[in-house]
């Protein structure tokens, strides 16, 4: 039997703000941790705890970026996501007395993780990106307004994939009602929409190329975990985008899944695949940096 799931708290300082965040793990602070999982923007509170419940021992789950606290104009979103990820990673390392860890990022956590990993590549092991945002900006539209409109359409189609199966996993009901409440009743939705559009506007391909090269030099891997039924970020779009950019130094695993929260039953399978990908028993030999 595993030790109880524990919640830890941290503070993210940004400008004049001090924003609290949480991360979860089984066991005590003396237990070995080798993998940190960063969740997408909306994966907060109870949802993040559910993900941690699905995660194996030796992992820490960091709740999603506190998106609503970013500047209303969204002009600072890149620095905001990068700083939050750096802060959370350093907090986890300090809590569990570790110097480095494998990293897993899902969906909207991908940009912050890539930027933070470039800052601290010497502390990063293998990296896995689950259905990541940031590789299809040019497909979504030319302007932030167009990208937001397209994301909304895709988000509805994506949500319908799990709202049809509440009996399969009752957590789907909670997630569906939460999404409906945000869209219909959240007074900040318009502002949040601007931030989502800004996030979708970042093209991560060049940063990803740099990260893949640095990881390879240290004998580490970069893996994309994609969902065959993903309506939000279809695998075909991501792989075509990477190929067009000349990025081929990564591994790919495509699952028969939709764009699902890691908190639900399908998400447990996705998460297990990502953890297995980063916890490789035979690391690759480092390349000659020259």
Protein backbone atom coordinates (compact mmCIF):
# COMPACT_ATOMS: atom_id res chain seq x y z
CA UNK A 1 0.00 0.00 0.00
CA UNK A 2 1.23 3.46 -0.90
CA UNK A 3 1.74 6.27 1.59
CA UNK A 4 -1.02 8.91 1.74
CA UNK A 5 -1.20 11.55 -0.97
CA UNK A 6 0.16 14.84 0.35
CA UNK A 7 -0.31 18.41 -0.81
CA UNK A 8 2.49 20.97 -0.70
CA UNK A 9 2.24 24.74 -1.19
CA UNK A 10 4.48 27.26 -2.89
CA UNK A 11 4.49 30.98 -3.68
CA UNK A 12 4.97 32.38 -7.16
CA UNK A 13 6.09 36.01 -7.08
CA UNK A 14 5.44 37.98 -10.24
CA UNK A 15 5.74 41.75 -10.25
CA UNK A 16 3.81 43.00 -7.23
CA UNK A 17 1.81 39.78 -6.91
CA UNK A 18 2.37 36.76 -4.71
CA UNK A 19 0.38 33.83 -6.08
CA UNK A 20 0.01 30.56 -4.22
CA UNK A 21 0.17 27.23 -6.02
CA UNK A 22 0.11 23.56 -4.99
CA UNK A 23 1.75 20.29 -5.89
CA UNK A 24 0.94 16.73 -4.83
CA UNK A 25 2.91 13.55 -4.26
CA UNK A 26 2.71 10.24 -2.46
CA UNK A 27 5.01 9.60 0.45
CA UNK A 28 7.18 11.93 2.48
CA UNK A 29 9.79 14.52 1.62
CA UNK A 30 12.47 11.89 2.18
CA UNK A 31 11.11 9.60 -0.56
CA UNK A 32 12.84 9.51 -3.92
CA UNK A 33 11.25 11.64 -6.64
CA UNK A 34 12.47 11.47 -10.23
CA UNK A 35 9.59 12.87 -12.31
CA UNK A 36 7.72 16.20 -12.21
CA UNK A 37 4.39 16.50 -14.05
CA UNK A 38 3.15 19.95 -15.08
CA UNK A 39 -0.56 20.21 -15.86
CA UNK A 40 -2.44 22.38 -18.33
CA UNK A 41 -3.87 25.75 -17.35
CA UNK A 42 -7.32 24.59 -16.21
CA UNK A 43 -6.07 21.59 -14.22
CA UNK A 44 -6.31 23.10 -10.74
CA UNK A 45 -7.40 22.11 -7.24
CA UNK A 46 -9.44 18.91 -7.15
CA UNK A 47 -8.51 18.03 -10.73
CA UNK A 48 -4.79 18.23 -10.00
CA UNK A 49 -5.28 16.04 -6.93
CA UNK A 50 -7.08 13.46 -9.06
CA UNK A 51 -4.17 13.44 -11.50
CA UNK A 52 -1.77 12.85 -8.62
CA UNK A 53 -3.96 9.93 -7.58
CA UNK A 54 -3.47 8.44 -11.05
CA UNK A 55 0.29 9.01 -11.00
CA UNK A 56 2.82 6.40 -9.82
CA UNK A 57 5.08 6.71 -6.80
CA UNK A 58 8.13 8.89 -7.32
CA UNK A 59 6.23 11.58 -9.21
CA UNK A 60 5.11 15.08 -8.24
CA UNK A 61 2.09 16.72 -9.91
CA UNK A 62 2.13 20.52 -10.20
CA UNK A 63 -1.23 22.17 -10.74
CA UNK A 64 -1.85 24.21 -13.88
CA UNK A 65 -0.58 27.71 -14.50
CA UNK A 66 -2.74 30.26 -12.56
CA UNK A 67 -3.69 31.76 -15.90
CA UNK A 68 -6.14 34.35 -14.58
CA UNK A 69 -3.38 36.12 -12.66
CA UNK A 70 -1.44 37.08 -15.80
CA UNK A 71 -1.65 40.66 -17.05
CA UNK A 72 -5.02 41.50 -18.65
CA UNK A 73 -3.29 42.50 -21.87
CA UNK A 74 -1.59 39.07 -22.07
CA UNK A 75 1.57 40.77 -23.37
CA UNK A 76 3.61 39.14 -20.60
CA UNK A 77 2.30 35.59 -20.99
CA UNK A 78 5.58 34.07 -22.17
CA UNK A 79 7.59 35.44 -19.24
CA UNK A 80 4.73 34.64 -16.87
CA UNK A 81 4.55 30.97 -17.92
CA UNK A 82 8.32 30.61 -17.91
CA UNK A 83 8.67 32.16 -14.44
CA UNK A 84 5.85 30.08 -12.96
CA UNK A 85 7.34 26.83 -14.28
CA UNK A 86 10.81 27.74 -13.03
CA UNK A 87 9.45 28.66 -9.59
CA UNK A 88 7.41 25.46 -9.27
CA UNK A 89 10.27 23.26 -10.44
CA UNK A 90 12.68 24.83 -7.97
CA UNK A 91 10.11 24.44 -5.16
CA UNK A 92 9.71 20.74 -5.94
CA UNK A 93 13.48 20.21 -6.06
CA UNK A 94 13.88 21.91 -2.69
CA UNK A 95 10.97 20.05 -1.07
CA UNK A 96 12.21 16.63 -2.14
CA UNK A 97 15.93 17.41 -2.01
CA UNK A 98 16.60 16.51 -5.64
CA UNK A 99 18.99 18.17 -8.09
CA UNK A 100 17.31 17.07 -11.32
CA UNK A 101 14.22 15.30 -12.62
CA UNK A 102 12.44 14.05 -15.71
CA UNK A 103 9.69 16.41 -16.89
CA UNK A 104 6.21 15.72 -18.28
CA UNK A 105 4.01 18.55 -19.57
CA UNK A 106 0.47 18.30 -20.83
CA UNK A 107 -1.33 20.63 -23.23
CA UNK A 108 -0.92 24.28 -22.17
CA UNK A 109 1.94 23.47 -19.81
CA UNK A 110 4.23 22.69 -22.76
CA UNK A 111 5.35 26.27 -23.55
CA UNK A 112 6.38 27.08 -19.97
CA UNK A 113 8.17 23.75 -19.60
CA UNK A 114 10.14 24.19 -22.82
CA UNK A 115 11.20 27.73 -21.89
CA UNK A 116 12.10 26.72 -18.32
CA UNK A 117 13.97 23.62 -19.52
CA UNK A 118 16.11 25.80 -21.78
CA UNK A 119 17.01 27.85 -18.69
CA UNK A 120 17.97 24.80 -16.63
CA UNK A 121 18.79 22.03 -19.10
CA UNK A 122 21.51 20.75 -16.75
CA UNK A 123 18.78 19.90 -14.21
CA UNK A 124 16.44 18.22 -16.68
CA UNK A 125 16.38 14.54 -17.59
CA UNK A 126 14.06 13.12 -20.25
CA UNK A 127 11.09 15.25 -21.37
CA UNK A 128 7.63 14.13 -22.55
CA UNK A 129 5.02 16.49 -24.02
CA UNK A 130 1.40 15.27 -23.94
CA UNK A 131 -0.85 16.77 -26.67
CA UNK A 132 1.13 20.03 -26.44
CA UNK A 133 0.03 23.56 -27.25
CA UNK A 134 2.45 25.61 -29.33
CA UNK A 135 3.11 23.58 -32.45
CA UNK A 136 0.12 24.52 -34.58
CA UNK A 137 -0.09 28.31 -34.19
CA UNK A 138 0.04 28.86 -37.96
CA UNK A 139 -2.78 26.35 -38.47
CA UNK A 140 -5.14 27.99 -35.96
CA UNK A 141 -5.16 31.38 -37.71
CA UNK A 142 -3.17 34.51 -38.51
CA UNK A 143 -4.39 36.75 -35.66
CA UNK A 144 -5.06 36.17 -31.93
CA UNK A 145 -8.78 36.69 -32.57
CA UNK A 146 -8.82 34.03 -35.29
CA UNK A 147 -6.84 31.63 -33.12
CA UNK A 148 -9.16 32.08 -30.17
CA UNK A 149 -12.23 31.49 -32.35
CA UNK A 150 -10.71 28.31 -33.76
CA UNK A 151 -9.64 27.12 -30.30
CA UNK A 152 -13.20 27.60 -29.01
CA UNK A 153 -14.61 25.50 -31.86
CA UNK A 154 -12.06 22.79 -31.27
CA UNK A 155 -12.59 22.96 -27.51
CA UNK A 156 -16.32 22.27 -27.92
CA UNK A 157 -15.66 19.32 -30.22
CA UNK A 158 -13.04 18.03 -27.81
CA UNK A 159 -15.33 18.37 -24.78
CA UNK A 160 -18.14 16.46 -26.48
CA UNK A 161 -15.85 13.47 -26.71
CA UNK A 162 -15.87 12.92 -22.95
CA UNK A 163 -19.28 14.35 -22.03
CA UNK A 164 -20.82 11.43 -23.93
CA UNK A 165 -19.38 8.94 -21.46
CA UNK A 166 -20.29 10.01 -17.88
CA UNK A 167 -21.08 6.42 -16.89
CA UNK A 168 -17.65 5.36 -18.09
CA UNK A 169 -16.04 7.84 -15.70
CA UNK A 170 -18.13 10.03 -13.37
CA UNK A 171 -15.35 12.63 -13.26
CA UNK A 172 -16.36 13.54 -16.80
CA UNK A 173 -19.54 15.08 -15.38
CA UNK A 174 -17.58 17.37 -13.07
CA UNK A 175 -15.22 18.43 -15.86
CA UNK A 176 -18.08 19.12 -18.26
CA UNK A 177 -20.04 21.20 -15.73
CA UNK A 178 -16.90 23.13 -14.82
CA UNK A 179 -16.25 24.01 -18.45
CA UNK A 180 -19.87 25.01 -18.99
CA UNK A 181 -19.83 27.25 -15.91
CA UNK A 182 -16.64 29.01 -17.01
CA UNK A 183 -17.93 29.71 -20.52
CA UNK A 184 -21.42 30.81 -19.48
CA UNK A 185 -20.94 32.55 -16.14
CA UNK A 186 -17.30 33.55 -15.65
CA UNK A 187 -17.11 37.34 -15.94
CA UNK A 188 -13.40 37.04 -16.68
CA UNK A 189 -13.90 34.74 -19.67
CA UNK A 190 -13.33 37.50 -22.22
CA UNK A 191 -10.05 38.47 -20.57
CA UNK A 192 -9.10 34.82 -20.15
CA UNK A 193 -9.86 34.31 -23.81
CA UNK A 194 -7.31 36.95 -24.72
CA UNK A 195 -4.74 35.08 -22.67
CA UNK A 196 -5.56 31.75 -24.27
CA UNK A 197 -5.27 33.36 -27.69
CA UNK A 198 -1.89 34.80 -26.74
CA UNK A 199 -0.73 31.40 -25.55
CA UNK A 200 -1.87 29.79 -28.78
CA UNK A 201 0.06 32.42 -30.75
CA UNK A 202 3.47 31.22 -29.58
CA UNK A 203 5.28 29.08 -32.13
CA UNK A 204 7.44 26.71 -30.10
CA UNK A 205 9.15 24.96 -32.96
CA UNK A 206 12.48 26.81 -32.85
CA UNK A 207 12.66 26.59 -29.05
CA UNK A 208 11.79 22.90 -29.33
CA UNK A 209 14.61 22.40 -31.83
CA UNK A 210 17.09 23.96 -29.40
CA UNK A 211 15.82 21.89 -26.49
CA UNK A 212 15.90 18.63 -28.47
CA UNK A 213 19.52 19.30 -29.42
CA UNK A 214 20.57 20.10 -25.85
CA UNK A 215 18.79 17.05 -24.46
CA UNK A 216 20.38 14.82 -27.07
CA UNK A 217 23.83 16.15 -26.22
CA UNK A 218 23.27 15.04 -22.62
CA UNK A 219 21.94 11.62 -23.60
CA UNK A 220 18.31 12.51 -22.82
CA UNK A 221 15.18 12.15 -24.92
CA UNK A 222 12.24 14.27 -26.04
CA UNK A 223 8.97 12.37 -26.56
CA UNK A 224 5.61 13.52 -27.94
CA UNK A 225 2.57 11.64 -26.57
CA UNK A 226 -0.29 12.30 -28.99
CA UNK A 227 -3.94 11.24 -29.11
CA UNK A 228 -5.25 9.77 -32.32
CA UNK A 229 -8.73 11.20 -31.58
CA UNK A 230 -7.46 14.59 -30.37
CA UNK A 231 -9.70 17.31 -31.84
CA UNK A 232 -7.80 20.17 -30.19
CA UNK A 233 -4.25 19.43 -31.38
CA UNK A 234 -4.49 16.61 -33.94
CA UNK A 235 -1.32 14.49 -34.27
CA UNK A 236 -1.24 14.98 -38.02
CA UNK A 237 -1.03 18.76 -37.61
CA UNK A 238 1.70 18.59 -34.96
CA UNK A 239 3.85 16.06 -36.82
CA UNK A 240 3.48 17.90 -40.15
CA UNK A 241 4.36 21.18 -38.43
CA UNK A 242 7.50 19.68 -36.86
CA UNK A 243 8.54 18.08 -40.13
CA UNK A 244 8.11 21.37 -42.00
CA UNK A 245 10.36 23.02 -39.40
CA UNK A 246 12.98 20.30 -39.87
CA UNK A 247 12.61 18.96 -36.32
CA UNK A 248 12.97 15.19 -36.28
CA UNK A 249 15.06 14.56 -33.15
CA UNK A 250 12.26 13.21 -30.97
CA UNK A 251 10.28 10.06 -30.26
CA UNK A 252 6.52 9.80 -30.84
CA UNK A 253 3.84 7.66 -29.25
CA UNK A 254 0.29 7.92 -30.63
CA UNK A 255 -2.52 6.55 -28.47
CA UNK A 256 -6.14 5.82 -29.35
CA UNK A 257 -7.36 8.67 -27.13
CA UNK A 258 -8.91 12.13 -27.28
CA UNK A 259 -7.61 15.35 -25.69
CA UNK A 260 -8.45 14.15 -22.20
CA UNK A 261 -7.68 15.43 -18.74
CA UNK A 262 -5.11 13.26 -16.99
CA UNK A 263 -7.59 13.11 -14.07
CA UNK A 264 -9.98 10.72 -15.85
CA UNK A 265 -9.69 7.02 -16.65
CA UNK A 266 -8.33 7.52 -20.17
CA UNK A 267 -5.93 10.09 -18.74
CA UNK A 268 -4.49 7.47 -16.42
CA UNK A 269 -3.41 5.43 -19.44
CA UNK A 270 -1.94 8.52 -21.14
CA UNK A 271 -0.05 9.44 -17.98
CA UNK A 272 1.31 5.92 -17.53
CA UNK A 273 2.61 6.01 -21.11
CA UNK A 274 4.35 9.35 -20.54
CA UNK A 275 5.95 8.20 -17.26
CA UNK A 276 7.21 5.05 -18.95
CA UNK A 277 8.67 7.16 -21.77
CA UNK A 278 10.74 9.37 -19.46
CA UNK A 279 11.79 6.60 -17.09
CA UNK A 280 13.87 4.78 -19.64
CA UNK A 281 16.22 2.23 -18.13
CA UNK A 282 18.90 2.67 -20.76
CA UNK A 283 19.71 6.37 -21.36
CA UNK A 284 21.21 7.24 -24.70
CA UNK A 285 24.90 8.06 -24.87
CA UNK A 286 25.66 11.81 -24.98
CA UNK A 287 26.54 13.28 -28.34
CA UNK A 288 29.80 15.11 -28.95
CA UNK A 289 28.98 18.75 -28.21
CA UNK A 290 31.56 19.91 -30.68
